[in-house]
Amino acid sequence: MKEFQSLVVVKHPVEKVWFTVRDRLPELGAMLDDVESIVLIERQSAGPGKVRLVNEWRSSQRIPPVLRDRLEASELGWLDRNLWDDADHRCAWAIEPSVLTQHIQCAGSTRYEPAMGGRGTRITFTGTFDLEPGALAMFTGSLRKPVAAFAESIATTVIPRNVRKLMEAASRLIDAGS
């Protein structure tokens, strides 16, 4: 199991950042260079101050040609299932990748806290990624290590990098006043 974390500080108050990211995620996705799209699939109330969302992400990054046939996919994507809790400004999430879905577990939380004397927001994104040993059974010999490295890099590098870019995009959207 791999653990990962990303920390971002933006110059806007928690409430503005919180609601911008939660309620305008598809719009923010359009501002990211390696995200093709984010589509809101489901939104429902989960009790007072709690919202459950399901988003479908499509990455503009492609699966390396050597892996496409075995994975039966050419593009990267995932479902992001999350629960936003207004009381503690915490979003618990789980990611279901479009490839090796039954063999990958990826979950964590994003916490939004006041920073810079309340004028900013500190966003802490933490999670775990687990690639089950059986996931690599379809890959023989020299392909196993590149596949494992590819899957781990998505969770431990691509996703945290996208979180940083997403928060920077939210800050720009807030700056624009829209």
N, C-alpha and C. Protein backbone atom coordinates (compact mmCIF):
# COMPACT_ATOMS: atom_id res chain seq x y z
N MET A 1 0.84 -1.18 0.00
CA MET A 1 0.00 0.00 0.00
C MET A 1 0.89 1.25 0.00
N LYS A 2 0.57 2.17 -0.89
CA LYS A 2 1.30 3.43 -0.99
C LYS A 2 0.46 4.54 -0.39
N GLU A 3 1.09 5.39 0.38
CA GLU A 3 0.42 6.58 0.91
C GLU A 3 0.91 7.78 0.13
N PHE A 4 0.03 8.77 -0.04
CA PHE A 4 0.42 9.99 -0.71
C PHE A 4 -0.28 11.18 -0.07
N GLN A 5 0.33 12.34 -0.26
CA GLN A 5 -0.21 13.55 0.33
C GLN A 5 0.18 14.75 -0.53
N SER A 6 -0.69 15.72 -0.55
CA SER A 6 -0.41 16.96 -1.25
C SER A 6 -0.95 18.08 -0.39
N LEU A 7 -0.20 19.16 -0.30
CA LEU A 7 -0.61 20.33 0.48
C LEU A 7 -0.59 21.54 -0.43
N VAL A 8 -1.70 22.29 -0.42
CA VAL A 8 -1.81 23.49 -1.25
C VAL A 8 -2.37 24.59 -0.37
N VAL A 9 -1.84 25.79 -0.51
CA VAL A 9 -2.39 26.96 0.18
C VAL A 9 -2.79 27.98 -0.89
N VAL A 10 -4.03 28.45 -0.79
CA VAL A 10 -4.52 29.47 -1.72
C VAL A 10 -4.96 30.69 -0.92
N LYS A 11 -5.02 31.83 -1.58
CA LYS A 11 -5.27 33.09 -0.90
C LYS A 11 -6.75 33.49 -0.83
N HIS A 12 -7.61 32.53 -0.64
CA HIS A 12 -9.04 32.80 -0.50
C HIS A 12 -9.57 32.07 0.72
N PRO A 13 -10.59 32.62 1.37
CA PRO A 13 -11.15 31.99 2.58
C PRO A 13 -11.73 30.60 2.29
N VAL A 14 -11.77 29.80 3.34
CA VAL A 14 -12.21 28.42 3.25
C VAL A 14 -13.57 28.28 2.54
N GLU A 15 -14.56 29.05 2.97
CA GLU A 15 -15.90 28.91 2.41
C GLU A 15 -15.92 29.09 0.89
N LYS A 16 -15.20 30.09 0.40
CA LYS A 16 -15.18 30.33 -1.05
C LYS A 16 -14.53 29.16 -1.79
N VAL A 17 -13.41 28.69 -1.27
CA VAL A 17 -12.70 27.58 -1.93
C VAL A 17 -13.54 26.31 -1.85
N TRP A 18 -14.07 26.03 -0.67
CA TRP A 18 -14.88 24.83 -0.43
C TRP A 18 -16.03 24.73 -1.42
N PHE A 19 -16.85 25.78 -1.50
CA PHE A 19 -18.02 25.74 -2.37
C PHE A 19 -17.65 25.80 -3.85
N THR A 20 -16.58 26.49 -4.19
CA THR A 20 -16.14 26.54 -5.58
C THR A 20 -15.73 25.16 -6.06
N VAL A 21 -14.91 24.47 -5.27
CA VAL A 21 -14.44 23.14 -5.68
C VAL A 21 -15.60 22.14 -5.68
N ARG A 22 -16.41 22.17 -4.65
CA ARG A 22 -17.52 21.20 -4.56
C ARG A 22 -18.55 21.41 -5.67
N ASP A 23 -18.94 22.66 -5.90
CA ASP A 23 -20.08 22.93 -6.76
C ASP A 23 -19.73 23.27 -8.21
N ARG A 24 -18.43 23.48 -8.49
CA ARG A 24 -18.06 23.87 -9.86
C ARG A 24 -16.94 23.00 -10.42
N LEU A 25 -16.84 21.78 -9.94
CA LEU A 25 -15.76 20.89 -10.35
C LEU A 25 -15.69 20.67 -11.86
N PRO A 26 -16.80 20.41 -12.55
CA PRO A 26 -16.69 20.24 -14.01
C PRO A 26 -16.11 21.48 -14.71
N GLU A 27 -16.47 22.65 -14.26
CA GLU A 27 -15.94 23.88 -14.82
C GLU A 27 -14.44 24.01 -14.53
N LEU A 28 -14.04 23.62 -13.34
CA LEU A 28 -12.61 23.66 -12.97
C LEU A 28 -11.82 22.65 -13.80
N GLY A 29 -12.40 21.50 -14.05
CA GLY A 29 -11.72 20.48 -14.85
C GLY A 29 -11.35 20.99 -16.23
N ALA A 30 -12.20 21.84 -16.79
CA ALA A 30 -11.92 22.40 -18.11
C ALA A 30 -10.69 23.32 -18.10
N MET A 31 -10.27 23.74 -16.91
CA MET A 31 -9.12 24.63 -16.77
C MET A 31 -7.81 23.86 -16.56
N LEU A 32 -7.88 22.54 -16.51
CA LEU A 32 -6.70 21.72 -16.25
C LEU A 32 -6.17 21.13 -17.55
N ASP A 33 -4.86 21.23 -17.76
CA ASP A 33 -4.29 20.80 -19.03
C ASP A 33 -4.29 19.29 -19.25
N ASP A 34 -4.25 18.49 -18.21
CA ASP A 34 -4.23 17.05 -18.44
C ASP A 34 -5.54 16.36 -18.08
N VAL A 35 -6.60 17.16 -17.96
CA VAL A 35 -7.94 16.60 -17.74
C VAL A 35 -8.78 16.95 -18.96
N GLU A 36 -9.31 15.92 -19.59
CA GLU A 36 -10.16 16.13 -20.76
C GLU A 36 -11.54 16.63 -20.33
N SER A 37 -12.08 16.00 -19.27
CA SER A 37 -13.40 16.43 -18.79
C SER A 37 -13.67 15.86 -17.40
N ILE A 38 -14.56 16.56 -16.70
CA ILE A 38 -15.13 16.06 -15.45
C ILE A 38 -16.63 16.23 -15.60
N VAL A 39 -17.36 15.14 -15.44
CA VAL A 39 -18.81 15.18 -15.59
C VAL A 39 -19.45 14.75 -14.27
N LEU A 40 -20.36 15.59 -13.77
CA LEU A 40 -21.10 15.24 -12.57
C LEU A 40 -22.13 14.18 -12.93
N ILE A 41 -22.02 13.01 -12.31
CA ILE A 41 -22.91 11.89 -12.59
C ILE A 41 -24.09 11.87 -11.61
N GLU A 42 -23.79 12.21 -10.36
CA GLU A 42 -24.83 12.12 -9.33
C GLU A 42 -24.54 13.13 -8.23
N ARG A 43 -25.60 13.72 -7.71
CA ARG A 43 -25.50 14.64 -6.56
C ARG A 43 -26.72 14.39 -5.69
N GLN A 44 -26.47 14.14 -4.39
CA GLN A 44 -27.59 13.92 -3.48
C GLN A 44 -27.24 14.40 -2.07
N SER A 45 -28.25 14.82 -1.37
CA SER A 45 -28.07 15.22 0.02
C SER A 45 -27.84 13.97 0.84
N ALA A 46 -26.92 14.06 1.79
CA ALA A 46 -26.62 12.93 2.67
C ALA A 46 -26.88 13.32 4.12
N GLY A 47 -27.79 14.26 4.31
CA GLY A 47 -28.10 14.75 5.65
C GLY A 47 -27.74 16.22 5.74
N PRO A 48 -28.01 16.83 6.88
CA PRO A 48 -27.73 18.26 7.05
C PRO A 48 -26.25 18.58 6.81
N GLY A 49 -26.00 19.49 5.86
CA GLY A 49 -24.64 19.93 5.59
C GLY A 49 -23.75 18.90 4.92
N LYS A 50 -24.35 17.85 4.37
CA LYS A 50 -23.56 16.80 3.72
C LYS A 50 -24.08 16.58 2.31
N VAL A 51 -23.16 16.48 1.37
CA VAL A 51 -23.50 16.25 -0.03
C VAL A 51 -22.65 15.11 -0.56
N ARG A 52 -23.32 14.17 -1.21
CA ARG A 52 -22.62 13.04 -1.83
C ARG A 52 -22.59 13.30 -3.34
N LEU A 53 -21.38 13.23 -3.93
CA LEU A 53 -21.21 13.46 -5.36
C LEU A 53 -20.49 12.28 -6.01
N VAL A 54 -20.82 12.04 -7.27
CA VAL A 54 -20.08 11.09 -8.09
C VAL A 54 -19.71 11.84 -9.36
N ASN A 55 -18.41 11.91 -9.64
CA ASN A 55 -17.90 12.59 -10.83
C ASN A 55 -17.13 11.60 -11.69
N GLU A 56 -17.27 11.75 -12.99
CA GLU A 56 -16.49 10.94 -13.92
C GLU A 56 -15.40 11.82 -14.52
N TRP A 57 -14.16 11.42 -14.32
CA TRP A 57 -13.00 12.14 -14.82
C TRP A 57 -12.47 11.42 -16.06
N ARG A 58 -12.06 12.19 -17.05
CA ARG A 58 -11.37 11.66 -18.23
C ARG A 58 -10.07 12.43 -18.36
N SER A 59 -8.99 11.70 -18.40
CA SER A 59 -7.67 12.31 -18.52
C SER A 59 -7.30 12.46 -19.99
N SER A 60 -6.55 13.50 -20.28
CA SER A 60 -6.03 13.65 -21.65
C SER A 60 -4.79 12.81 -21.86
N GLN A 61 -4.24 12.26 -20.77
CA GLN A 61 -3.10 11.35 -20.89
C GLN A 61 -3.61 10.00 -21.37
N ARG A 62 -2.81 9.36 -22.17
CA ARG A 62 -3.21 8.07 -22.74
C ARG A 62 -2.38 6.95 -22.13
N ILE A 63 -2.95 5.77 -22.18
CA ILE A 63 -2.26 4.57 -21.70
C ILE A 63 -1.17 4.24 -22.71
N PRO A 64 0.03 3.94 -22.23
CA PRO A 64 1.12 3.60 -23.15
C PRO A 64 0.72 2.45 -24.08
N PRO A 65 1.12 2.53 -25.36
CA PRO A 65 0.73 1.51 -26.35
C PRO A 65 1.03 0.08 -25.93
N VAL A 66 2.14 -0.16 -25.26
CA VAL A 66 2.52 -1.51 -24.87
C VAL A 66 1.52 -2.12 -23.88
N LEU A 67 0.74 -1.28 -23.18
CA LEU A 67 -0.20 -1.77 -22.18
C LEU A 67 -1.65 -1.79 -22.66
N ARG A 68 -1.94 -1.10 -23.74
CA ARG A 68 -3.33 -0.92 -24.19
C ARG A 68 -4.07 -2.22 -24.43
N ASP A 69 -3.46 -3.16 -25.16
CA ASP A 69 -4.15 -4.41 -25.48
C ASP A 69 -4.47 -5.21 -24.23
N ARG A 70 -3.52 -5.31 -23.34
CA ARG A 70 -3.73 -6.11 -22.11
C ARG A 70 -4.79 -5.48 -21.21
N LEU A 71 -4.79 -4.15 -21.14
CA LEU A 71 -5.74 -3.46 -20.28
C LEU A 71 -7.09 -3.24 -20.97
N GLU A 72 -7.11 -3.47 -22.28
CA GLU A 72 -8.31 -3.27 -23.09
C GLU A 72 -8.85 -1.85 -22.94
N ALA A 73 -7.95 -0.87 -22.94
CA ALA A 73 -8.32 0.54 -22.84
C ALA A 73 -7.20 1.39 -23.43
N SER A 74 -7.55 2.54 -23.93
CA SER A 74 -6.53 3.44 -24.47
C SER A 74 -6.47 4.76 -23.71
N GLU A 75 -7.51 5.04 -22.93
CA GLU A 75 -7.50 6.30 -22.19
C GLU A 75 -7.70 6.06 -20.70
N LEU A 76 -7.30 7.05 -19.93
CA LEU A 76 -7.41 6.98 -18.49
C LEU A 76 -8.67 7.69 -18.03
N GLY A 77 -9.30 7.12 -17.06
CA GLY A 77 -10.47 7.74 -16.47
C GLY A 77 -10.74 7.12 -15.13
N TRP A 78 -11.60 7.76 -14.37
CA TRP A 78 -11.95 7.21 -13.07
C TRP A 78 -13.24 7.85 -12.58
N LEU A 79 -13.91 7.15 -11.68
CA LEU A 79 -15.04 7.70 -10.96
C LEU A 79 -14.53 8.17 -9.62
N ASP A 80 -14.97 9.33 -9.23
CA ASP A 80 -14.61 9.94 -7.96
C ASP A 80 -15.89 9.98 -7.14
N ARG A 81 -15.98 9.13 -6.12
CA ARG A 81 -17.15 9.10 -5.23
C ARG A 81 -16.76 9.80 -3.95
N ASN A 82 -17.50 10.82 -3.58
CA ASN A 82 -17.08 11.57 -2.41
C ASN A 82 -18.25 12.05 -1.57
N LEU A 83 -17.93 12.36 -0.32
CA LEU A 83 -18.89 12.90 0.64
C LEU A 83 -18.31 14.19 1.20
N TRP A 84 -18.99 15.29 0.94
CA TRP A 84 -18.58 16.62 1.39
C TRP A 84 -19.33 16.93 2.68
N ASP A 85 -18.59 17.23 3.75
CA ASP A 85 -19.18 17.52 5.05
C ASP A 85 -18.87 18.96 5.43
N ASP A 86 -19.90 19.82 5.36
CA ASP A 86 -19.72 21.25 5.65
C ASP A 86 -19.24 21.51 7.08
N ALA A 87 -19.63 20.66 8.04
CA ALA A 87 -19.31 20.89 9.44
C ALA A 87 -17.81 20.96 9.70
N ASP A 88 -17.03 20.08 9.08
CA ASP A 88 -15.58 20.09 9.32
C ASP A 88 -14.78 20.37 8.06
N HIS A 89 -15.45 20.78 6.99
CA HIS A 89 -14.80 21.08 5.72
C HIS A 89 -13.85 19.95 5.31
N ARG A 90 -14.41 18.77 5.31
CA ARG A 90 -13.66 17.58 4.93
C ARG A 90 -14.43 16.84 3.85
N CYS A 91 -13.72 16.42 2.84
CA CYS A 91 -14.30 15.63 1.76
C CYS A 91 -13.63 14.26 1.77
N ALA A 92 -14.41 13.23 2.07
CA ALA A 92 -13.91 11.85 2.02
C ALA A 92 -14.18 11.34 0.61
N TRP A 93 -13.21 10.68 0.00
CA TRP A 93 -13.36 10.25 -1.39
C TRP A 93 -12.79 8.86 -1.62
N ALA A 94 -13.28 8.26 -2.69
CA ALA A 94 -12.75 6.99 -3.18
C ALA A 94 -12.73 7.09 -4.70
N ILE A 95 -11.68 6.56 -5.28
CA ILE A 95 -11.51 6.60 -6.73
C ILE A 95 -11.61 5.19 -7.29
N GLU A 96 -12.42 5.05 -8.34
CA GLU A 96 -12.55 3.78 -9.04
C GLU A 96 -11.97 3.98 -10.44
N PRO A 97 -10.79 3.45 -10.70
CA PRO A 97 -10.18 3.64 -12.03
C PRO A 97 -10.93 2.87 -13.11
N SER A 98 -10.76 3.32 -14.34
CA SER A 98 -11.43 2.65 -15.46
C SER A 98 -10.70 1.37 -15.89
N VAL A 99 -9.49 1.17 -15.42
CA VAL A 99 -8.74 -0.05 -15.72
C VAL A 99 -8.34 -0.72 -14.40
N LEU A 100 -8.28 -2.03 -14.42
CA LEU A 100 -7.92 -2.83 -13.24
C LEU A 100 -8.79 -2.49 -12.03
N THR A 101 -10.04 -2.13 -12.29
CA THR A 101 -10.95 -1.64 -11.25
C THR A 101 -11.03 -2.57 -10.04
N GLN A 102 -11.16 -3.86 -10.27
CA GLN A 102 -11.33 -4.79 -9.16
C GLN A 102 -10.04 -5.04 -8.39
N HIS A 103 -8.92 -4.55 -8.89
CA HIS A 103 -7.63 -4.81 -8.25
C HIS A 103 -6.99 -3.57 -7.61
N ILE A 104 -7.64 -2.42 -7.75
CA ILE A 104 -7.06 -1.18 -7.23
C ILE A 104 -8.00 -0.58 -6.20
N GLN A 105 -7.44 -0.24 -5.07
CA GLN A 105 -8.17 0.47 -4.02
C GLN A 105 -7.48 1.82 -3.82
N CYS A 106 -8.22 2.90 -3.95
CA CYS A 106 -7.65 4.23 -3.77
C CYS A 106 -8.69 5.08 -3.06
N ALA A 107 -8.34 5.59 -1.88
CA ALA A 107 -9.27 6.37 -1.09
C ALA A 107 -8.51 7.33 -0.18
N GLY A 108 -9.23 8.32 0.31
CA GLY A 108 -8.60 9.28 1.21
C GLY A 108 -9.54 10.41 1.55
N SER A 109 -8.95 11.55 1.90
CA SER A 109 -9.76 12.70 2.25
C SER A 109 -9.03 13.99 1.88
N THR A 110 -9.82 15.02 1.73
CA THR A 110 -9.30 16.36 1.49
C THR A 110 -9.88 17.26 2.55
N ARG A 111 -9.00 17.96 3.25
CA ARG A 111 -9.41 18.83 4.35
C ARG A 111 -9.10 20.27 3.98
N TYR A 112 -10.05 21.15 4.23
CA TYR A 112 -9.94 22.58 3.95
C TYR A 112 -9.90 23.30 5.29
N GLU A 113 -8.79 24.01 5.58
CA GLU A 113 -8.62 24.68 6.86
C GLU A 113 -8.20 26.13 6.64
N PRO A 114 -8.58 27.00 7.59
CA PRO A 114 -8.16 28.40 7.46
C PRO A 114 -6.64 28.53 7.50
N ALA A 115 -6.13 29.48 6.73
CA ALA A 115 -4.70 29.79 6.70
C ALA A 115 -4.56 31.30 6.55
N MET A 116 -3.38 31.79 6.75
CA MET A 116 -3.06 33.21 6.57
C MET A 116 -4.05 34.10 7.35
N GLY A 117 -4.27 33.76 8.62
CA GLY A 117 -5.16 34.57 9.45
C GLY A 117 -6.60 34.57 8.98
N GLY A 118 -7.03 33.48 8.35
CA GLY A 118 -8.40 33.38 7.87
C GLY A 118 -8.61 33.92 6.47
N ARG A 119 -7.57 34.52 5.89
CA ARG A 119 -7.69 35.08 4.53
C ARG A 119 -7.37 34.05 3.46
N GLY A 120 -6.87 32.90 3.88
CA GLY A 120 -6.49 31.86 2.92
C GLY A 120 -7.01 30.51 3.36
N THR A 121 -6.72 29.53 2.53
CA THR A 121 -7.15 28.15 2.81
C THR A 121 -5.98 27.21 2.61
N ARG A 122 -5.82 26.33 3.56
CA ARG A 122 -4.83 25.26 3.48
C ARG A 122 -5.59 23.99 3.14
N ILE A 123 -5.25 23.39 2.01
CA ILE A 123 -5.93 22.18 1.55
C ILE A 123 -4.95 21.02 1.68
N THR A 124 -5.33 20.02 2.48
CA THR A 124 -4.50 18.85 2.67
C THR A 124 -5.21 17.65 2.05
N PHE A 125 -4.56 17.07 1.07
CA PHE A 125 -5.10 15.94 0.31
C PHE A 125 -4.27 14.72 0.69
N THR A 126 -4.89 13.73 1.30
CA THR A 126 -4.16 12.52 1.70
C THR A 126 -4.92 11.29 1.23
N GLY A 127 -4.17 10.25 0.91
CA GLY A 127 -4.82 9.03 0.47
C GLY A 127 -3.90 7.84 0.47
N THR A 128 -4.50 6.71 0.15
CA THR A 128 -3.74 5.47 0.02
C THR A 128 -4.09 4.82 -1.30
N PHE A 129 -3.13 4.10 -1.84
CA PHE A 129 -3.29 3.39 -3.10
C PHE A 129 -2.79 1.98 -2.88
N ASP A 130 -3.63 1.01 -3.25
CA ASP A 130 -3.25 -0.38 -3.09
C ASP A 130 -3.52 -1.13 -4.39
N LEU A 131 -2.49 -1.69 -4.95
CA LEU A 131 -2.60 -2.53 -6.15
C LEU A 131 -2.46 -3.97 -5.70
N GLU A 132 -3.56 -4.71 -5.78
CA GLU A 132 -3.55 -6.11 -5.34
C GLU A 132 -2.61 -6.95 -6.20
N PRO A 133 -1.92 -7.91 -5.60
CA PRO A 133 -0.98 -8.74 -6.35
C PRO A 133 -1.59 -9.43 -7.57
N GLY A 134 -2.84 -9.84 -7.50
CA GLY A 134 -3.49 -10.52 -8.62
C GLY A 134 -3.68 -9.64 -9.83
N ALA A 135 -3.56 -8.34 -9.66
CA ALA A 135 -3.78 -7.40 -10.77
C ALA A 135 -2.78 -7.60 -11.89
N LEU A 136 -1.60 -8.06 -11.55
CA LEU A 136 -0.54 -8.18 -12.54
C LEU A 136 -0.45 -9.57 -13.16
N ALA A 137 -1.38 -10.45 -12.81
CA ALA A 137 -1.33 -11.83 -13.31
C ALA A 137 -1.40 -11.90 -14.83
N MET A 138 -2.10 -10.95 -15.46
CA MET A 138 -2.24 -10.98 -16.91
C MET A 138 -0.98 -10.50 -17.64
N PHE A 139 -0.05 -9.95 -16.88
CA PHE A 139 1.19 -9.45 -17.47
C PHE A 139 2.33 -10.40 -17.16
N THR A 140 3.04 -10.76 -18.19
CA THR A 140 4.13 -11.72 -18.01
C THR A 140 5.47 -11.01 -17.99
N GLY A 141 6.39 -11.62 -17.30
CA GLY A 141 7.79 -11.21 -17.32
C GLY A 141 8.06 -9.73 -17.15
N SER A 142 8.65 -9.16 -18.19
CA SER A 142 9.16 -7.80 -18.09
C SER A 142 8.06 -6.73 -18.08
N LEU A 143 6.82 -7.08 -18.34
CA LEU A 143 5.74 -6.10 -18.33
C LEU A 143 5.21 -5.80 -16.93
N ARG A 144 5.42 -6.70 -15.98
CA ARG A 144 4.84 -6.52 -14.64
C ARG A 144 5.32 -5.24 -13.95
N LYS A 145 6.61 -5.01 -13.96
CA LYS A 145 7.12 -3.82 -13.27
C LYS A 145 6.63 -2.52 -13.92
N PRO A 146 6.66 -2.38 -15.26
CA PRO A 146 6.15 -1.14 -15.85
C PRO A 146 4.67 -0.92 -15.58
N VAL A 147 3.88 -1.98 -15.55
CA VAL A 147 2.45 -1.82 -15.28
C VAL A 147 2.24 -1.36 -13.84
N ALA A 148 2.93 -1.99 -12.91
CA ALA A 148 2.81 -1.59 -11.50
C ALA A 148 3.27 -0.14 -11.33
N ALA A 149 4.36 0.23 -11.95
CA ALA A 149 4.87 1.61 -11.85
C ALA A 149 3.89 2.59 -12.47
N PHE A 150 3.29 2.22 -13.60
CA PHE A 150 2.32 3.07 -14.28
C PHE A 150 1.11 3.31 -13.38
N ALA A 151 0.54 2.25 -12.81
CA ALA A 151 -0.63 2.37 -11.95
C ALA A 151 -0.32 3.21 -10.71
N GLU A 152 0.83 2.95 -10.09
CA GLU A 152 1.20 3.70 -8.90
C GLU A 152 1.46 5.17 -9.21
N SER A 153 2.03 5.45 -10.37
CA SER A 153 2.32 6.85 -10.72
C SER A 153 1.04 7.64 -10.91
N ILE A 154 -0.01 7.00 -11.39
CA ILE A 154 -1.28 7.70 -11.55
C ILE A 154 -1.78 8.15 -10.19
N ALA A 155 -1.78 7.24 -9.23
CA ALA A 155 -2.31 7.57 -7.91
C ALA A 155 -1.39 8.48 -7.10
N THR A 156 -0.09 8.23 -7.16
CA THR A 156 0.81 8.97 -6.28
C THR A 156 1.40 10.22 -6.91
N THR A 157 1.26 10.38 -8.22
CA THR A 157 1.81 11.56 -8.90
C THR A 157 0.74 12.34 -9.65
N VAL A 158 0.02 11.68 -10.56
CA VAL A 158 -0.95 12.37 -11.41
C VAL A 158 -2.09 12.95 -10.58
N ILE A 159 -2.69 12.15 -9.72
CA ILE A 159 -3.84 12.63 -8.95
C ILE A 159 -3.45 13.76 -7.99
N PRO A 160 -2.39 13.62 -7.18
CA PRO A 160 -2.00 14.75 -6.33
C PRO A 160 -1.63 16.01 -7.13
N ARG A 161 -0.99 15.84 -8.28
CA ARG A 161 -0.66 16.99 -9.12
C ARG A 161 -1.93 17.67 -9.62
N ASN A 162 -2.92 16.86 -9.99
CA ASN A 162 -4.19 17.43 -10.43
C ASN A 162 -4.91 18.17 -9.31
N VAL A 163 -4.77 17.69 -8.08
CA VAL A 163 -5.37 18.38 -6.94
C VAL A 163 -4.76 19.78 -6.82
N ARG A 164 -3.45 19.87 -6.92
CA ARG A 164 -2.78 21.17 -6.85
C ARG A 164 -3.28 22.08 -7.97
N LYS A 165 -3.32 21.56 -9.18
CA LYS A 165 -3.78 22.36 -10.32
C LYS A 165 -5.25 22.75 -10.16
N LEU A 166 -6.04 21.85 -9.60
CA LEU A 166 -7.45 22.11 -9.38
C LEU A 166 -7.64 23.26 -8.40
N MET A 167 -6.87 23.26 -7.32
CA MET A 167 -6.98 24.32 -6.32
C MET A 167 -6.50 25.66 -6.89
N GLU A 168 -5.47 25.61 -7.71
CA GLU A 168 -5.00 26.83 -8.36
C GLU A 168 -6.06 27.36 -9.34
N ALA A 169 -6.75 26.46 -10.03
CA ALA A 169 -7.82 26.85 -10.94
C ALA A 169 -8.99 27.46 -10.15
N ALA A 170 -9.31 26.86 -9.01
CA ALA A 170 -10.38 27.41 -8.16
C ALA A 170 -10.03 28.83 -7.72
N SER A 171 -8.77 29.03 -7.36
CA SER A 171 -8.32 30.36 -6.95
C SER A 171 -8.47 31.37 -8.09
N ARG A 172 -8.10 30.94 -9.31
CA ARG A 172 -8.27 31.84 -10.47
C ARG A 172 -9.73 32.16 -10.74
N LEU A 173 -10.59 31.16 -10.58
CA LEU A 173 -12.02 31.37 -10.81
C LEU A 173 -12.58 32.34 -9.77
N ILE A 174 -12.16 32.20 -8.52
CA ILE A 174 -12.59 33.12 -7.46
C ILE A 174 -12.06 34.52 -7.76
N ASP A 175 -10.80 34.61 -8.18
CA ASP A 175 -10.21 35.92 -8.53
C ASP A 175 -11.02 36.60 -9.62
N ALA A 176 -11.48 35.82 -10.58
CA ALA A 176 -12.23 36.37 -11.72
C ALA A 176 -13.62 36.84 -11.29
N GLY A 177 -14.03 36.43 -10.09
CA GLY A 177 -15.31 36.87 -9.56
C GLY A 177 -16.52 36.24 -10.21
N SER A 178 -16.29 35.13 -10.88
CA SER A 178 -17.44 34.49 -11.55
C SER A 178 -18.00 33.36 -10.72
